[in-house]
Amino acid sequence: MYDGNVSIKGNVKSGFSVKAKGDIIIEGVVEAAFLSAGGQIIVKRGINGMGKGRVEAEDSLIAKFIENATVVSGGFIETGCILHSQVSAGADIRVSGKKGFVSGGVIRAGNVIEAQTIGSEMGTITNIEVGVQPSVKERYGELQESVAEIVKEIEKMKPILVNFNEKLQKKEKITPERMKQVQQIAQNFREKKQLLAKQKEEMKSLQERIRIATNAKIKIKGTIYPGVNITISDVSLNIKQERSFTRYLKEKGEIVARPL
């Protein structure tokens, strides 16, 4: 971990890792490498993660292109194209330049996603999400999975505890080993119930944040194609027909298309 800024004149090859508390500036290409910056990241010749690379910046990120990579920015992202990647930005994602296209993968931004072209004539599945910071939606998804798992565990423990209580009421003989085992299950049961209540409360709070994010939008300066699924906050829309010069926003609980 470098304390300050890092500048690399050439490429960052597959398997390499670069971490800095400040900015990272790469003159060449980033391959299937790991980059982490406390500031911004600038990749002058683009990112080709080969399905393995991950680039993270607490601040903004600028790259000529992003292809087959996972890219996370706490600020905005500016690039010339995004292809088959997982890209998240806390603020805006702007895909500009002559091509300015987004095709394949999942693209998330807290505020605005802007591009020349989204999807492709081939109907490439592309997911575009705006409305809350990506970390909020990711955390909400984690909580959904966790809550479901905790509920399963609780349901498994319930019959054991009920059966044990019935035996106590009937004054049946219970071995010390069995008593200790059930006591441990009862303790685990209480802890799981407490955790479940805590996580449900957090989910409720995040759900409200997702619901009230009303200013987010998606702007297409060129064409958006069928095969693209857009999500604004908690509402989704699958694009069924090709449209041009369009912005999508949320109005009265629905996603609507307006001329750009």
C-alpha atoms as a PDB file:
ATOM      1  CA  MET A   1       0.000   0.000   0.000  1.00  0.00           C
ATOM      2  CA  TYR A   2       1.538   3.294  -1.148  1.00  0.00           C
ATOM      3  CA  ASP A   3       0.897   6.262   1.144  1.00  0.00           C
ATOM      4  CA  GLY A   4       0.583   8.793  -1.656  1.00  0.00           C
ATOM      5  CA  ASN A   5      -0.097   8.792  -5.406  1.00  0.00           C
ATOM      6  CA  VAL A   6       1.109   6.145  -7.857  1.00  0.00           C
ATOM      7  CA  SER A   7       1.980   6.722 -11.509  1.00  0.00           C
ATOM      8  CA  ILE A   8       2.780   3.820 -13.849  1.00  0.00           C
ATOM      9  CA  LYS A   9       4.170   4.544 -17.305  1.00  0.00           C
ATOM     10  CA  GLY A  10       3.304   1.205 -18.900  1.00  0.00           C
ATOM     11  CA  ASN A  11       0.628  -1.483 -18.504  1.00  0.00           C
ATOM     12  CA  VAL A  12      -0.558  -3.294 -15.390  1.00  0.00           C
ATOM     13  CA  LYS A  13      -0.397  -6.968 -16.339  1.00  0.00           C
ATOM     14  CA  SER A  14      -2.701  -9.788 -15.247  1.00  0.00           C
ATOM     15  CA  GLY A  15      -2.250 -10.924 -11.662  1.00  0.00           C
ATOM     16  CA  PHE A  16      -0.623  -7.724 -10.423  1.00  0.00           C
ATOM     17  CA  SER A  17      -1.997  -5.616  -7.587  1.00  0.00           C
ATOM     18  CA  VAL A  18      -1.606  -1.868  -7.042  1.00  0.00           C
ATOM     19  CA  LYS A  19      -2.904  -0.171  -3.878  1.00  0.00           C
ATOM     20  CA  ALA A  20      -2.538   3.486  -2.975  1.00  0.00           C
ATOM     21  CA  LYS A  21      -4.017   5.865  -0.410  1.00  0.00           C
ATOM     22  CA  GLY A  22      -3.971   8.608  -3.042  1.00  0.00           C
ATOM     23  CA  ASP A  23      -4.515   8.583  -6.815  1.00  0.00           C
ATOM     24  CA  ILE A  24      -3.430   5.931  -9.330  1.00  0.00           C
ATOM     25  CA  ILE A  25      -2.543   6.992 -12.866  1.00  0.00           C
ATOM     26  CA  ILE A  26      -1.827   4.343 -15.505  1.00  0.00           C
ATOM     27  CA  GLU A  27      -0.423   5.418 -18.872  1.00  0.00           C
ATOM     28  CA  GLY A  28      -1.152   2.042 -20.495  1.00  0.00           C
ATOM     29  CA  VAL A  29      -3.775  -0.727 -20.172  1.00  0.00           C
ATOM     30  CA  VAL A  30      -4.976  -2.469 -17.033  1.00  0.00           C
ATOM     31  CA  GLU A  31      -5.479  -6.198 -17.593  1.00  0.00           C
ATOM     32  CA  ALA A  32      -6.823  -8.801 -15.110  1.00  0.00           C
ATOM     33  CA  ALA A  33      -5.245  -6.953 -12.215  1.00  0.00           C
ATOM     34  CA  PHE A  34      -6.439  -5.500  -8.909  1.00  0.00           C
ATOM     35  CA  LEU A  35      -6.298  -1.712  -8.395  1.00  0.00           C
ATOM     36  CA  SER A  36      -7.434   0.081  -5.255  1.00  0.00           C
ATOM     37  CA  ALA A  37      -7.139   3.838  -4.680  1.00  0.00           C
ATOM     38  CA  GLY A  38      -8.173   6.104  -1.823  1.00  0.00           C
ATOM     39  CA  GLY A  39      -8.404   8.889  -4.411  1.00  0.00           C
ATOM     40  CA  GLN A  40      -9.166   8.736  -8.136  1.00  0.00           C
ATOM     41  CA  ILE A  41      -7.986   6.311 -10.819  1.00  0.00           C
ATOM     42  CA  ILE A  42      -7.074   7.339 -14.366  1.00  0.00           C
ATOM     43  CA  VAL A  43      -6.349   4.631 -16.965  1.00  0.00           C
ATOM     44  CA  LYS A  44      -5.331   6.354 -20.180  1.00  0.00           C
ATOM     45  CA  ARG A  45      -5.529   3.294 -22.462  1.00  0.00           C
ATOM     46  CA  GLY A  46      -8.425   1.489 -20.816  1.00  0.00           C
ATOM     47  CA  ILE A  47      -9.296  -1.565 -18.722  1.00  0.00           C
ATOM     48  CA  ASN A  48      -9.594  -5.128 -20.041  1.00  0.00           C
ATOM     49  CA  GLY A  49     -10.240  -7.279 -16.997  1.00  0.00           C
ATOM     50  CA  MET A  50     -10.572 -10.556 -18.930  1.00  0.00           C
ATOM     51  CA  GLY A  51     -13.430 -11.461 -16.607  1.00  0.00           C
ATOM     52  CA  LYS A  52     -11.155 -11.368 -13.548  1.00  0.00           C
ATOM     53  CA  GLY A  53      -9.873  -7.822 -13.030  1.00  0.00           C
ATOM     54  CA  ARG A  54     -11.225  -5.466 -10.365  1.00  0.00           C
ATOM     55  CA  VAL A  55     -10.598  -1.722 -10.158  1.00  0.00           C
ATOM     56  CA  GLU A  56     -11.787   0.277  -7.129  1.00  0.00           C
ATOM     57  CA  ALA A  57     -11.545   4.016  -6.486  1.00  0.00           C
ATOM     58  CA  GLU A  58     -12.989   5.815  -3.475  1.00  0.00           C
ATOM     59  CA  ASP A  59     -13.139   8.935  -5.646  1.00  0.00           C
ATOM     60  CA  SER A  60     -13.806   9.124  -9.381  1.00  0.00           C
ATOM     61  CA  LEU A  61     -12.513   6.960 -12.219  1.00  0.00           C
ATOM     62  CA  ILE A  62     -11.602   7.832 -15.807  1.00  0.00           C
ATOM     63  CA  ALA A  63     -10.694   5.191 -18.416  1.00  0.00           C
ATOM     64  CA  LYS A  64     -10.607   5.100 -22.215  1.00  0.00           C
ATOM     65  CA  PHE A  65     -12.708   1.911 -22.167  1.00  0.00           C
ATOM     66  CA  ILE A  66     -13.931  -0.757 -19.731  1.00  0.00           C
ATOM     67  CA  GLU A  67     -14.186  -4.332 -20.995  1.00  0.00           C
ATOM     68  CA  ASN A  68     -14.871  -7.612 -19.150  1.00  0.00           C
ATOM     69  CA  ALA A  69     -14.024  -6.015 -15.811  1.00  0.00           C
ATOM     70  CA  THR A  70     -15.448  -5.119 -12.428  1.00  0.00           C
ATOM     71  CA  VAL A  71     -15.102  -1.401 -11.738  1.00  0.00           C
ATOM     72  CA  VAL A  72     -16.274   0.426  -8.613  1.00  0.00           C
ATOM     73  CA  SER A  73     -16.131   4.182  -7.984  1.00  0.00           C
ATOM     74  CA  GLY A  74     -17.333   6.228  -5.037  1.00  0.00           C
ATOM     75  CA  GLY A  75     -17.664   9.266  -7.295  1.00  0.00           C
ATOM     76  CA  PHE A  76     -18.313   9.471 -11.052  1.00  0.00           C
ATOM     77  CA  ILE A  77     -17.027   7.325 -13.923  1.00  0.00           C
ATOM     78  CA  GLU A  78     -16.094   8.662 -17.360  1.00  0.00           C
ATOM     79  CA  THR A  79     -15.234   6.300 -20.208  1.00  0.00           C
ATOM     80  CA  GLY A  80     -15.577   5.832 -23.963  1.00  0.00           C
ATOM     81  CA  CYS A  81     -17.382   2.464 -23.823  1.00  0.00           C
ATOM     82  CA  ILE A  82     -18.401  -0.300 -21.436  1.00  0.00           C
ATOM     83  CA  LEU A  83     -18.569  -3.886 -22.685  1.00  0.00           C
ATOM     84  CA  HIS A  84     -19.688  -6.952 -20.688  1.00  0.00           C
ATOM     85  CA  SER A  85     -18.665  -5.479 -17.345  1.00  0.00           C
ATOM     86  CA  GLN A  86     -19.907  -4.895 -13.808  1.00  0.00           C
ATOM     87  CA  VAL A  87     -19.617  -1.145 -13.255  1.00  0.00           C
ATOM     88  CA  SER A  88     -20.784   0.846 -10.226  1.00  0.00           C
ATOM     89  CA  ALA A  89     -20.531   4.546  -9.400  1.00  0.00           C
ATOM     90  CA  GLY A  90     -21.784   6.452  -6.379  1.00  0.00           C
ATOM     91  CA  ALA A  91     -22.642   9.469  -8.567  1.00  0.00           C
ATOM     92  CA  ASP A  92     -22.814   9.507 -12.395  1.00  0.00           C
ATOM     93  CA  ILE A  93     -21.576   7.268 -15.196  1.00  0.00           C
ATOM     94  CA  ARG A  94     -20.876   9.138 -18.419  1.00  0.00           C
ATOM     95  CA  VAL A  95     -20.061   7.081 -21.532  1.00  0.00           C
ATOM     96  CA  SER A  96     -19.094   9.567 -24.206  1.00  0.00           C
ATOM     97  CA  GLY A  97     -16.922   9.859 -27.293  1.00  0.00           C
ATOM     98  CA  LYS A  98     -17.616   8.831 -30.883  1.00  0.00           C
ATOM     99  CA  LYS A  99     -19.024   5.411 -29.956  1.00  0.00           C
ATOM    100  CA  GLY A 100     -20.052   5.926 -26.351  1.00  0.00           C
ATOM    101  CA  PHE A 101     -21.773   2.559 -26.084  1.00  0.00           C
ATOM    102  CA  VAL A 102     -22.759   0.288 -23.210  1.00  0.00           C
ATOM    103  CA  SER A 103     -23.407  -3.364 -24.050  1.00  0.00           C
ATOM    104  CA  GLY A 104     -23.701  -6.369 -21.750  1.00  0.00           C
ATOM    105  CA  GLY A 105     -23.224  -6.635 -18.009  1.00  0.00           C
ATOM    106  CA  VAL A 106     -24.640  -4.592 -15.145  1.00  0.00           C
ATOM    107  CA  ILE A 107     -24.147  -0.828 -14.906  1.00  0.00           C
ATOM    108  CA  ARG A 108     -25.201   0.969 -11.716  1.00  0.00           C
ATOM    109  CA  ALA A 109     -25.032   4.618 -10.679  1.00  0.00           C
ATOM    110  CA  GLY A 110     -26.417   6.573  -7.765  1.00  0.00           C
ATOM    111  CA  ASN A 111     -27.651   9.422  -9.954  1.00  0.00           C
ATOM    112  CA  VAL A 112     -27.363   9.489 -13.761  1.00  0.00           C
ATOM    113  CA  ILE A 113     -26.180   7.104 -16.474  1.00  0.00           C
ATOM    114  CA  GLU A 114     -25.544   8.827 -19.791  1.00  0.00           C
ATOM    115  CA  ALA A 115     -24.448   7.136 -23.037  1.00  0.00           C
ATOM    116  CA  GLN A 116     -24.629   7.388 -26.815  1.00  0.00           C
ATOM    117  CA  THR A 117     -25.874   3.809 -27.248  1.00  0.00           C
ATOM    118  CA  ILE A 118     -27.146   1.204 -24.783  1.00  0.00           C
ATOM    119  CA  GLY A 119     -27.536  -2.455 -25.790  1.00  0.00           C
ATOM    120  CA  SER A 120     -27.058  -3.672 -29.337  1.00  0.00           C
ATOM    121  CA  GLU A 121     -28.923  -4.659 -32.490  1.00  0.00           C
ATOM    122  CA  MET A 122     -28.251  -8.290 -31.464  1.00  0.00           C
ATOM    123  CA  GLY A 123     -30.377  -7.818 -28.331  1.00  0.00           C
ATOM    124  CA  THR A 124     -27.477  -8.180 -25.883  1.00  0.00           C
ATOM    125  CA  ILE A 125     -28.822  -8.440 -22.319  1.00  0.00           C
ATOM    126  CA  THR A 126     -27.760  -5.248 -20.551  1.00  0.00           C
ATOM    127  CA  ASN A 127     -28.880  -4.113 -17.101  1.00  0.00           C
ATOM    128  CA  ILE A 128     -28.868  -0.386 -16.319  1.00  0.00           C
ATOM    129  CA  GLU A 129     -29.663   0.708 -12.755  1.00  0.00           C
ATOM    130  CA  VAL A 130     -29.868   4.159 -11.188  1.00  0.00           C
ATOM    131  CA  GLY A 131     -31.491   5.660  -8.131  1.00  0.00           C
ATOM    132  CA  VAL A 132     -29.466   4.885  -5.060  1.00  0.00           C
ATOM    133  CA  GLN A 133     -25.787   4.385  -4.406  1.00  0.00           C
ATOM    134  CA  PRO A 134     -24.782   0.918  -5.655  1.00  0.00           C
ATOM    135  CA  SER A 135     -23.556  -0.050  -2.181  1.00  0.00           C
ATOM    136  CA  VAL A 136     -27.104   0.450  -0.851  1.00  0.00           C
ATOM    137  CA  LYS A 137     -28.662  -1.946  -3.373  1.00  0.00           C
ATOM    138  CA  GLU A 138     -25.836  -4.441  -2.862  1.00  0.00           C
ATOM    139  CA  ARG A 139     -26.325  -4.329   0.915  1.00  0.00           C
ATOM    140  CA  TYR A 140     -30.078  -4.726   0.484  1.00  0.00           C
ATOM    141  CA  GLY A 141     -29.510  -7.816  -1.658  1.00  0.00           C
ATOM    142  CA  GLU A 142     -27.114  -9.264   0.935  1.00  0.00           C
ATOM    143  CA  LEU A 143     -29.686  -8.689   3.666  1.00  0.00           C
ATOM    144  CA  GLN A 144     -32.430 -10.388   1.629  1.00  0.00           C
ATOM    145  CA  GLU A 145     -30.272 -13.507   1.320  1.00  0.00           C
ATOM    146  CA  SER A 146     -29.203 -13.372   4.966  1.00  0.00           C
ATOM    147  CA  VAL A 147     -32.762 -12.941   6.284  1.00  0.00           C
ATOM    148  CA  ALA A 148     -33.987 -15.874   4.194  1.00  0.00           C
ATOM    149  CA  GLU A 149     -31.177 -18.060   5.549  1.00  0.00           C
ATOM    150  CA  ILE A 150     -31.822 -17.028   9.178  1.00  0.00           C
ATOM    151  CA  VAL A 151     -35.536 -17.783   8.799  1.00  0.00           C
ATOM    152  CA  LYS A 152     -34.656 -21.291   7.536  1.00  0.00           C
ATOM    153  CA  GLU A 153     -32.371 -21.873  10.519  1.00  0.00           C
ATOM    154  CA  ILE A 154     -35.015 -20.674  12.978  1.00  0.00           C
ATOM    155  CA  GLU A 155     -37.650 -22.925  11.410  1.00  0.00           C
ATOM    156  CA  LYS A 156     -35.321 -25.915  11.797  1.00  0.00           C
ATOM    157  CA  MET A 157     -34.781 -25.184  15.509  1.00  0.00           C
ATOM    158  CA  LYS A 158     -38.440 -24.617  16.400  1.00  0.00           C
ATOM    159  CA  PRO A 159     -39.591 -28.305  16.322  1.00  0.00           C
ATOM    160  CA  ILE A 160     -36.623 -29.347  18.489  1.00  0.00           C
ATOM    161  CA  LEU A 161     -37.453 -26.766  21.164  1.00  0.00           C
ATOM    162  CA  VAL A 162     -41.192 -27.517  21.038  1.00  0.00           C
ATOM    163  CA  ASN A 163     -40.537 -31.253  21.394  1.00  0.00           C
ATOM    164  CA  PHE A 164     -38.164 -30.652  24.291  1.00  0.00           C
ATOM    165  CA  ASN A 165     -40.699 -28.459  26.132  1.00  0.00           C
ATOM    166  CA  GLU A 166     -43.341 -31.148  25.698  1.00  0.00           C
ATOM    167  CA  LYS A 167     -41.004 -33.694  27.282  1.00  0.00           C
ATOM    168  CA  LEU A 168     -40.341 -31.331  30.200  1.00  0.00           C
ATOM    169  CA  GLN A 169     -44.064 -30.860  30.764  1.00  0.00           C
ATOM    170  CA  LYS A 170     -44.552 -34.630  30.738  1.00  0.00           C
ATOM    171  CA  LYS A 171     -41.599 -34.936  33.155  1.00  0.00           C
ATOM    172  CA  GLU A 172     -39.861 -37.406  30.890  1.00  0.00           C
ATOM    173  CA  LYS A 173     -36.297 -38.352  31.707  1.00  0.00           C
ATOM    174  CA  ILE A 174     -33.715 -36.241  29.854  1.00  0.00           C
ATOM    175  CA  THR A 175     -30.004 -37.018  29.852  1.00  0.00           C
ATOM    176  CA  PRO A 176     -27.522 -34.288  30.873  1.00  0.00           C
ATOM    177  CA  GLU A 177     -25.988 -34.437  27.388  1.00  0.00           C
ATOM    178  CA  ARG A 178     -29.359 -33.852  25.739  1.00  0.00           C
ATOM    179  CA  MET A 179     -30.143 -31.053  28.182  1.00  0.00           C
ATOM    180  CA  LYS A 180     -26.871 -29.295  27.322  1.00  0.00           C
ATOM    181  CA  GLN A 181     -27.463 -29.768  23.594  1.00  0.00           C
ATOM    182  CA  VAL A 182     -30.948 -28.251  23.715  1.00  0.00           C
ATOM    183  CA  GLN A 183     -29.736 -25.356  25.883  1.00  0.00           C
ATOM    184  CA  GLN A 184     -27.193 -24.527  23.174  1.00  0.00           C
ATOM    185  CA  ILE A 185     -29.931 -24.712  20.528  1.00  0.00           C
ATOM    186  CA  ALA A 186     -32.134 -22.403  22.628  1.00  0.00           C
ATOM    187  CA  GLN A 187     -29.299 -19.889  22.993  1.00  0.00           C
ATOM    188  CA  ASN A 188     -28.664 -20.004  19.251  1.00  0.00           C
ATOM    189  CA  PHE A 189     -32.405 -19.590  18.636  1.00  0.00           C
ATOM    190  CA  ARG A 190     -32.499 -16.378  20.739  1.00  0.00           C
ATOM    191  CA  GLU A 191     -29.427 -14.968  19.010  1.00  0.00           C
ATOM    192  CA  LYS A 192     -30.855 -15.695  15.560  1.00  0.00           C
ATOM    193  CA  LYS A 193     -34.138 -14.018  16.489  1.00  0.00           C
ATOM    194  CA  GLN A 194     -32.270 -10.889  17.637  1.00  0.00           C
ATOM    195  CA  LEU A 195     -30.170 -10.828  14.458  1.00  0.00           C
ATOM    196  CA  LEU A 196     -33.284 -11.319  12.323  1.00  0.00           C
ATOM    197  CA  ALA A 197     -35.013  -8.338  13.951  1.00  0.00           C
ATOM    198  CA  LYS A 198     -31.906  -6.175  13.471  1.00  0.00           C
ATOM    199  CA  GLN A 199     -31.480  -7.095   9.809  1.00  0.00           C
ATOM    200  CA  LYS A 200     -35.180  -6.602   9.049  1.00  0.00           C
ATOM    201  CA  GLU A 201     -34.975  -3.106  10.531  1.00  0.00           C
ATOM    202  CA  GLU A 202     -31.936  -2.311   8.368  1.00  0.00           C
ATOM    203  CA  MET A 203     -33.742  -3.674   5.300  1.00  0.00           C
ATOM    204  CA  LYS A 204     -36.727  -1.432   6.031  1.00  0.00           C
ATOM    205  CA  SER A 205     -34.458   1.626   6.235  1.00  0.00           C
ATOM    206  CA  LEU A 206     -32.650   0.778   2.985  1.00  0.00           C
ATOM    207  CA  GLN A 207     -35.940   0.041   1.230  1.00  0.00           C
ATOM    208  CA  GLU A 208     -37.134   3.528   2.096  1.00  0.00           C
ATOM    209  CA  ARG A 209     -33.924   5.057   0.723  1.00  0.00           C
ATOM    210  CA  ILE A 210     -34.408   3.121  -2.507  1.00  0.00           C
ATOM    211  CA  ARG A 211     -38.051   4.197  -2.765  1.00  0.00           C
ATOM    212  CA  ILE A 212     -37.474   7.929  -2.310  1.00  0.00           C
ATOM    213  CA  ALA A 213     -34.595   8.239  -4.800  1.00  0.00           C
ATOM    214  CA  THR A 214     -36.663  10.138  -7.375  1.00  0.00           C
ATOM    215  CA  ASN A 215     -34.158  12.343  -9.241  1.00  0.00           C
ATOM    216  CA  ALA A 216     -32.227   9.566 -10.946  1.00  0.00           C
ATOM    217  CA  LYS A 217     -32.390   9.223 -14.715  1.00  0.00           C
ATOM    218  CA  ILE A 218     -30.934   7.457 -17.747  1.00  0.00           C
ATOM    219  CA  LYS A 219     -30.036   9.544 -20.816  1.00  0.00           C
ATOM    220  CA  ILE A 220     -29.464   8.104 -24.282  1.00  0.00           C
ATOM    221  CA  LYS A 221     -28.036  10.525 -26.832  1.00  0.00           C
ATOM    222  CA  GLY A 222     -28.222   7.905 -29.599  1.00  0.00           C
ATOM    223  CA  THR A 223     -30.161   4.617 -29.471  1.00  0.00           C
ATOM    224  CA  ILE A 224     -31.344   2.155 -26.830  1.00  0.00           C
ATOM    225  CA  TYR A 225     -32.151  -1.374 -28.048  1.00  0.00           C
ATOM    226  CA  PRO A 226     -34.466  -4.205 -26.987  1.00  0.00           C
ATOM    227  CA  GLY A 227     -32.738  -6.520 -24.525  1.00  0.00           C
ATOM    228  CA  VAL A 228     -31.925  -3.684 -22.158  1.00  0.00           C
ATOM    229  CA  ASN A 229     -33.506  -3.774 -18.708  1.00  0.00           C
ATOM    230  CA  ILE A 230     -33.533  -0.461 -16.854  1.00  0.00           C
ATOM    231  CA  THR A 231     -34.191   0.022 -13.150  1.00  0.00           C
ATOM    232  CA  ILE A 232     -34.825   3.332 -11.420  1.00  0.00           C
ATOM    233  CA  SER A 233     -34.916   2.925  -7.651  1.00  0.00           C
ATOM    234  CA  ASP A 234     -37.371   0.074  -7.093  1.00  0.00           C
ATOM    235  CA  VAL A 235     -39.077   0.026 -10.519  1.00  0.00           C
ATOM    236  CA  SER A 236     -37.896  -1.889 -13.598  1.00  0.00           C
ATOM    237  CA  LEU A 237     -38.693  -1.704 -17.304  1.00  0.00           C
ATOM    238  CA  ASN A 238     -37.661  -4.048 -20.094  1.00  0.00           C
ATOM    239  CA  ILE A 239     -37.064  -2.208 -23.364  1.00  0.00           C
ATOM    240  CA  LYS A 240     -39.237  -3.794 -26.060  1.00  0.00           C
ATOM    241  CA  GLN A 241     -38.593  -1.449 -28.958  1.00  0.00           C
ATOM    242  CA  GLU A 242     -35.717   0.627 -30.221  1.00  0.00           C
ATOM    243  CA  ARG A 243     -35.753   4.291 -29.181  1.00  0.00           C
ATOM    244  CA  SER A 244     -33.500   7.258 -29.865  1.00  0.00           C
ATOM    245  CA  PHE A 245     -32.660  10.536 -28.090  1.00  0.00           C
ATOM    246  CA  THR A 246     -34.526   9.524 -24.960  1.00  0.00           C
ATOM    247  CA  ARG A 247     -34.295   9.982 -21.212  1.00  0.00           C
ATOM    248  CA  TYR A 248     -35.917   7.649 -18.720  1.00  0.00           C
ATOM    249  CA  LEU A 249     -37.043   8.798 -15.299  1.00  0.00           C
ATOM    250  CA  LYS A 250     -39.446   7.770 -12.568  1.00  0.00           C
ATOM    251  CA  GLU A 251     -42.794   9.569 -12.329  1.00  0.00           C
ATOM    252  CA  LYS A 252     -45.680   8.567 -10.031  1.00  0.00           C
ATOM    253  CA  GLY A 253     -44.160   5.171  -9.342  1.00  0.00           C
ATOM    254  CA  GLU A 254     -43.529   4.288 -12.989  1.00  0.00           C
ATOM    255  CA  ILE A 255     -40.635   4.594 -15.435  1.00  0.00           C
ATOM    256  CA  VAL A 256     -41.476   6.949 -18.281  1.00  0.00           C
ATOM    257  CA  ALA A 257     -39.658   7.899 -21.488  1.00  0.00           C
ATOM    258  CA  ARG A 258     -39.245  11.539 -22.445  1.00  0.00           C
ATOM    259  CA  PRO A 259     -37.518  13.191 -25.409  1.00  0.00           C
ATOM    260  CA  LEU A 260     -33.948  14.185 -24.630  1.00  0.00           C
END
